[in-house]
Amino acid sequence: MENAPASPYRDDIVISWPELHRDTRLLCHQLVEKGPFKGIIAIARGGLIPAALVARELEIRLVDTICASSYEAADDDSAQTMRKEVRILKGVEGDGEGYLLIDDLVDTGNTARVIRKLLPKAFFATIYAKPQGLEVVDLCVKQFAQDKWIYFPWDIDYQFVAPIKKKLDKA
């Protein structure tokens, strides 16, 4: 059996729905000063929910998507995925002038760089960023270390966890 490559992630960060909503609203407060915008272009899939929240807060009714694929699922049941070549599955017309480009996270920046070349005049905002991708975006509200794996609310399932004492009593 071949050895799997070591994971580049040291630990995980779980983003809750309230935290995502709060951070998106913080982003919106900063975006008000950067607009007005003609519309929003969400980077699907991660940018879809943040784009809906931003559209509501900024009262933007025109929302489009650019759809890209840059990850493939790992062979096991883990959430961590392997990066592959960025493919644009659906683009948008124009160079992005007057539009707000939204994503949830810029990680290595590979996908963001490809999309930035297609829409160089869009204002690019993400909720979260890591160092390798930070220079690609115009605005983000929170930064994480490169070696953190980020779980978004749509990636996780909330479950009951027994109190620590009960777990220790069973051992």
C-alpha atoms as a PDB file:
ATOM      1  CA  MET A   1       0.000   0.000   0.000  1.00  0.00           C
ATOM      2  CA  GLU A   2       1.314   3.418  -0.984  1.00  0.00           C
ATOM      3  CA  ASN A   3       1.810   5.974   1.741  1.00  0.00           C
ATOM      4  CA  ALA A   4      -0.650   8.851   1.537  1.00  0.00           C
ATOM      5  CA  PRO A   5       0.945  12.306   1.449  1.00  0.00           C
ATOM      6  CA  ALA A   6       1.076  13.992   4.836  1.00  0.00           C
ATOM      7  CA  SER A   7      -1.719  16.464   5.420  1.00  0.00           C
ATOM      8  CA  PRO A   8      -0.601  20.112   5.307  1.00  0.00           C
ATOM      9  CA  TYR A   9      -3.165  20.894   8.038  1.00  0.00           C
ATOM     10  CA  ARG A  10      -2.186  20.994  11.698  1.00  0.00           C
ATOM     11  CA  ASP A  11      -5.708  21.330  13.097  1.00  0.00           C
ATOM     12  CA  ASP A  12      -9.290  22.325  12.345  1.00  0.00           C
ATOM     13  CA  ILE A  13     -11.440  25.385  12.842  1.00  0.00           C
ATOM     14  CA  VAL A  14     -15.217  25.001  12.867  1.00  0.00           C
ATOM     15  CA  ILE A  15     -17.221  28.037  11.784  1.00  0.00           C
ATOM     16  CA  SER A  16     -20.765  28.107  13.198  1.00  0.00           C
ATOM     17  CA  TRP A  17     -23.804  29.612  11.466  1.00  0.00           C
ATOM     18  CA  PRO A  18     -23.935  32.560  13.910  1.00  0.00           C
ATOM     19  CA  GLU A  19     -20.202  33.217  13.453  1.00  0.00           C
ATOM     20  CA  LEU A  20     -20.499  33.090   9.654  1.00  0.00           C
ATOM     21  CA  HIS A  21     -23.467  35.460   9.754  1.00  0.00           C
ATOM     22  CA  ARG A  22     -21.682  37.869  12.120  1.00  0.00           C
ATOM     23  CA  ASP A  23     -18.485  37.852  10.023  1.00  0.00           C
ATOM     24  CA  THR A  24     -20.464  38.378   6.813  1.00  0.00           C
ATOM     25  CA  ARG A  25     -22.221  41.359   8.367  1.00  0.00           C
ATOM     26  CA  LEU A  26     -18.816  42.779   9.363  1.00  0.00           C
ATOM     27  CA  LEU A  27     -17.766  42.382   5.737  1.00  0.00           C
ATOM     28  CA  CYS A  28     -20.924  44.193   4.626  1.00  0.00           C
ATOM     29  CA  HIS A  29     -20.202  47.171   6.875  1.00  0.00           C
ATOM     30  CA  GLN A  30     -16.871  47.578   5.071  1.00  0.00           C
ATOM     31  CA  LEU A  31     -18.392  46.946   1.632  1.00  0.00           C
ATOM     32  CA  VAL A  32     -20.933  49.759   2.018  1.00  0.00           C
ATOM     33  CA  GLU A  33     -18.023  52.215   1.795  1.00  0.00           C
ATOM     34  CA  LYS A  34     -16.628  50.494  -1.349  1.00  0.00           C
ATOM     35  CA  GLY A  35     -19.872  50.482  -3.375  1.00  0.00           C
ATOM     36  CA  PRO A  36     -22.300  50.929  -4.850  1.00  0.00           C
ATOM     37  CA  PHE A  37     -22.090  47.738  -6.902  1.00  0.00           C
ATOM     38  CA  LYS A  38     -24.085  46.791 -10.021  1.00  0.00           C
ATOM     39  CA  GLY A  39     -24.441  43.260  -8.732  1.00  0.00           C
ATOM     40  CA  ILE A  40     -22.756  40.313  -7.092  1.00  0.00           C
ATOM     41  CA  ILE A  41     -20.891  37.436  -8.684  1.00  0.00           C
ATOM     42  CA  ALA A  42     -20.721  34.496  -6.274  1.00  0.00           C
ATOM     43  CA  ILE A  43     -17.955  31.938  -6.670  1.00  0.00           C
ATOM     44  CA  ALA A  44     -19.850  28.649  -6.534  1.00  0.00           C
ATOM     45  CA  ARG A  45     -20.151  26.775  -4.348  1.00  0.00           C
ATOM     46  CA  GLY A  46     -18.516  28.294  -1.276  1.00  0.00           C
ATOM     47  CA  GLY A  47     -19.504  31.846  -2.112  1.00  0.00           C
ATOM     48  CA  LEU A  48     -23.210  31.136  -2.615  1.00  0.00           C
ATOM     49  CA  ILE A  49     -24.382  31.518   0.976  1.00  0.00           C
ATOM     50  CA  PRO A  50     -22.154  34.519   1.758  1.00  0.00           C
ATOM     51  CA  ALA A  51     -23.320  36.152  -1.508  1.00  0.00           C
ATOM     52  CA  ALA A  52     -26.974  35.714  -0.487  1.00  0.00           C
ATOM     53  CA  LEU A  53     -26.272  37.311   2.890  1.00  0.00           C
ATOM     54  CA  VAL A  54     -24.327  40.183   1.294  1.00  0.00           C
ATOM     55  CA  ALA A  55     -27.077  40.714  -1.308  1.00  0.00           C
ATOM     56  CA  ARG A  56     -29.603  41.060   1.489  1.00  0.00           C
ATOM     57  CA  GLU A  57     -27.505  43.430   3.603  1.00  0.00           C
ATOM     58  CA  LEU A  58     -26.502  45.667   0.679  1.00  0.00           C
ATOM     59  CA  GLU A  59     -29.914  45.377  -0.994  1.00  0.00           C
ATOM     60  CA  ILE A  60     -28.407  44.066  -4.225  1.00  0.00           C
ATOM     61  CA  ARG A  61     -30.883  42.177  -6.398  1.00  0.00           C
ATOM     62  CA  LEU A  62     -28.624  41.151  -9.298  1.00  0.00           C
ATOM     63  CA  VAL A  63     -26.714  37.992  -8.348  1.00  0.00           C
ATOM     64  CA  ASP A  64     -24.831  35.759 -10.787  1.00  0.00           C
ATOM     65  CA  THR A  65     -22.356  32.918 -10.368  1.00  0.00           C
ATOM     66  CA  ILE A  66     -19.027  31.864 -11.702  1.00  0.00           C
ATOM     67  CA  CYS A  67     -18.602  28.140 -11.184  1.00  0.00           C
ATOM     68  CA  ALA A  68     -15.160  26.637 -10.704  1.00  0.00           C
ATOM     69  CA  SER A  69     -13.851  23.223  -9.779  1.00  0.00           C
ATOM     70  CA  SER A  70     -10.469  22.945  -8.114  1.00  0.00           C
ATOM     71  CA  TYR A  71     -10.814  20.166  -5.555  1.00  0.00           C
ATOM     72  CA  GLU A  72     -11.577  16.474  -5.702  1.00  0.00           C
ATOM     73  CA  ALA A  73     -12.718  14.350  -2.817  1.00  0.00           C
ATOM     74  CA  ALA A  74     -10.164  12.304  -0.952  1.00  0.00           C
ATOM     75  CA  ASP A  75     -10.416   8.513  -1.157  1.00  0.00           C
ATOM     76  CA  ASP A  76     -11.430   8.251   2.500  1.00  0.00           C
ATOM     77  CA  ASP A  77     -14.352   9.799   4.376  1.00  0.00           C
ATOM     78  CA  SER A  78     -12.395  12.857   5.483  1.00  0.00           C
ATOM     79  CA  ALA A  79     -13.518  16.343   4.551  1.00  0.00           C
ATOM     80  CA  GLN A  80     -10.074  17.332   3.392  1.00  0.00           C
ATOM     81  CA  THR A  81      -9.777  17.317  -0.363  1.00  0.00           C
ATOM     82  CA  MET A  82      -6.970  17.198  -2.858  1.00  0.00           C
ATOM     83  CA  ARG A  83      -6.279  20.187  -5.063  1.00  0.00           C
ATOM     84  CA  LYS A  84      -6.316  19.758  -8.801  1.00  0.00           C
ATOM     85  CA  GLU A  85      -6.238  22.014 -11.837  1.00  0.00           C
ATOM     86  CA  VAL A  86      -8.792  24.834 -11.730  1.00  0.00           C
ATOM     87  CA  ARG A  87     -11.582  24.411 -14.282  1.00  0.00           C
ATOM     88  CA  ILE A  88     -14.201  27.065 -15.001  1.00  0.00           C
ATOM     89  CA  LEU A  89     -17.536  25.275 -15.388  1.00  0.00           C
ATOM     90  CA  LYS A  90     -19.604  28.448 -15.950  1.00  0.00           C
ATOM     91  CA  GLY A  91     -18.279  31.927 -16.505  1.00  0.00           C
ATOM     92  CA  VAL A  92     -19.807  35.387 -16.701  1.00  0.00           C
ATOM     93  CA  GLU A  93     -19.604  38.041 -19.401  1.00  0.00           C
ATOM     94  CA  GLY A  94     -17.389  41.078 -19.075  1.00  0.00           C
ATOM     95  CA  ASP A  95     -14.405  41.968 -16.932  1.00  0.00           C
ATOM     96  CA  GLY A  96     -16.297  42.427 -13.658  1.00  0.00           C
ATOM     97  CA  GLU A  97     -16.346  46.218 -13.703  1.00  0.00           C
ATOM     98  CA  GLY A  98     -18.792  47.490 -11.094  1.00  0.00           C
ATOM     99  CA  TYR A  99     -19.417  44.035  -9.658  1.00  0.00           C
ATOM    100  CA  LEU A 100     -18.691  42.540  -6.283  1.00  0.00           C
ATOM    101  CA  LEU A 101     -17.045  39.115  -6.424  1.00  0.00           C
ATOM    102  CA  ILE A 102     -17.778  37.047  -3.279  1.00  0.00           C
ATOM    103  CA  ASP A 103     -16.300  33.843  -1.876  1.00  0.00           C
ATOM    104  CA  ASP A 104     -16.232  32.256   1.558  1.00  0.00           C
ATOM    105  CA  LEU A 105     -12.482  31.640   1.777  1.00  0.00           C
ATOM    106  CA  VAL A 106      -9.342  32.195  -0.231  1.00  0.00           C
ATOM    107  CA  ASP A 107      -6.925  29.430   0.740  1.00  0.00           C
ATOM    108  CA  THR A 108      -3.888  28.938  -1.518  1.00  0.00           C
ATOM    109  CA  GLY A 109      -5.299  31.479  -3.971  1.00  0.00           C
ATOM    110  CA  ASN A 110      -5.143  29.104  -6.952  1.00  0.00           C
ATOM    111  CA  THR A 111      -8.853  29.346  -7.802  1.00  0.00           C
ATOM    112  CA  ALA A 112      -8.954  33.028  -6.887  1.00  0.00           C
ATOM    113  CA  ARG A 113      -6.065  33.844  -9.251  1.00  0.00           C
ATOM    114  CA  VAL A 114      -7.791  32.123 -12.189  1.00  0.00           C
ATOM    115  CA  ILE A 115     -11.056  33.951 -11.500  1.00  0.00           C
ATOM    116  CA  ARG A 116      -9.271  37.264 -10.870  1.00  0.00           C
ATOM    117  CA  LYS A 117      -7.740  37.032 -14.371  1.00  0.00           C
ATOM    118  CA  LEU A 118     -11.232  36.564 -15.840  1.00  0.00           C
ATOM    119  CA  LEU A 119     -12.765  39.402 -13.793  1.00  0.00           C
ATOM    120  CA  PRO A 120      -9.881  41.816 -13.150  1.00  0.00           C
ATOM    121  CA  LYS A 121     -12.116  44.847 -12.524  1.00  0.00           C
ATOM    122  CA  ALA A 122     -14.429  43.216  -9.975  1.00  0.00           C
ATOM    123  CA  PHE A 123     -14.046  44.101  -6.314  1.00  0.00           C
ATOM    124  CA  PHE A 124     -13.080  40.771  -4.728  1.00  0.00           C
ATOM    125  CA  ALA A 125     -14.207  40.187  -1.135  1.00  0.00           C
ATOM    126  CA  THR A 126     -14.036  37.063   0.998  1.00  0.00           C
ATOM    127  CA  ILE A 127     -15.066  36.457   4.555  1.00  0.00           C
ATOM    128  CA  TYR A 128     -11.916  34.515   5.378  1.00  0.00           C
ATOM    129  CA  ALA A 129      -8.396  34.329   3.951  1.00  0.00           C
ATOM    130  CA  LYS A 130      -5.149  32.472   4.462  1.00  0.00           C
ATOM    131  CA  PRO A 131      -1.701  33.997   3.787  1.00  0.00           C
ATOM    132  CA  GLN A 132      -1.049  32.314   0.403  1.00  0.00           C
ATOM    133  CA  GLY A 133      -4.249  33.744  -1.097  1.00  0.00           C
ATOM    134  CA  LEU A 134      -4.565  37.037   0.746  1.00  0.00           C
ATOM    135  CA  GLU A 135      -2.946  39.209  -1.936  1.00  0.00           C
ATOM    136  CA  VAL A 136      -5.532  38.107  -4.518  1.00  0.00           C
ATOM    137  CA  VAL A 137      -8.513  39.643  -2.685  1.00  0.00           C
ATOM    138  CA  ASP A 138      -9.374  43.279  -2.060  1.00  0.00           C
ATOM    139  CA  LEU A 139     -11.036  42.694   1.308  1.00  0.00           C
ATOM    140  CA  CYS A 140     -11.511  39.991   3.948  1.00  0.00           C
ATOM    141  CA  VAL A 141     -12.618  40.226   7.572  1.00  0.00           C
ATOM    142  CA  LYS A 142     -10.708  37.390   9.227  1.00  0.00           C
ATOM    143  CA  GLN A 143      -7.423  35.638   8.499  1.00  0.00           C
ATOM    144  CA  PHE A 144      -6.380  32.121   9.464  1.00  0.00           C
ATOM    145  CA  ALA A 145      -3.010  30.364   9.421  1.00  0.00           C
ATOM    146  CA  GLN A 146      -2.271  28.382   6.275  1.00  0.00           C
ATOM    147  CA  ASP A 147      -2.148  25.098   8.205  1.00  0.00           C
ATOM    148  CA  LYS A 148      -5.734  25.342   9.513  1.00  0.00           C
ATOM    149  CA  TRP A 149      -8.504  23.328   7.863  1.00  0.00           C
ATOM    150  CA  ILE A 150     -11.735  25.352   7.881  1.00  0.00           C
ATOM    151  CA  TYR A 151     -15.082  23.605   8.327  1.00  0.00           C
ATOM    152  CA  PHE A 152     -18.063  25.707   7.279  1.00  0.00           C
ATOM    153  CA  PRO A 153     -21.538  25.228   8.777  1.00  0.00           C
ATOM    154  CA  TRP A 154     -22.738  23.439   5.655  1.00  0.00           C
ATOM    155  CA  ASP A 155     -19.868  20.929   6.012  1.00  0.00           C
ATOM    156  CA  ILE A 156     -20.719  19.675   9.480  1.00  0.00           C
ATOM    157  CA  ASP A 157     -23.479  17.952  11.400  1.00  0.00           C
ATOM    158  CA  TYR A 158     -24.218  19.045  14.944  1.00  0.00           C
ATOM    159  CA  GLN A 159     -24.613  16.086  17.300  1.00  0.00           C
ATOM    160  CA  PHE A 160     -25.113  15.517  21.002  1.00  0.00           C
ATOM    161  CA  VAL A 161     -21.911  14.894  22.928  1.00  0.00           C
ATOM    162  CA  ALA A 162     -22.015  13.210  26.328  1.00  0.00           C
ATOM    163  CA  PRO A 163     -20.518  15.141  29.265  1.00  0.00           C
ATOM    164  CA  ILE A 164     -16.835  14.460  29.874  1.00  0.00           C
ATOM    165  CA  LYS A 165     -17.510  12.869  33.274  1.00  0.00           C
ATOM    166  CA  LYS A 166     -19.855  10.281  31.718  1.00  0.00           C
ATOM    167  CA  LYS A 167     -17.214   9.390  29.149  1.00  0.00           C
ATOM    168  CA  LEU A 168     -14.621   8.973  31.897  1.00  0.00           C
ATOM    169  CA  ASP A 169     -16.967   6.817  34.007  1.00  0.00           C
ATOM    170  CA  LYS A 170     -17.402   4.400  31.077  1.00  0.00           C
ATOM    171  CA  ALA A 171     -13.660   4.010  30.582  1.00  0.00           C
END
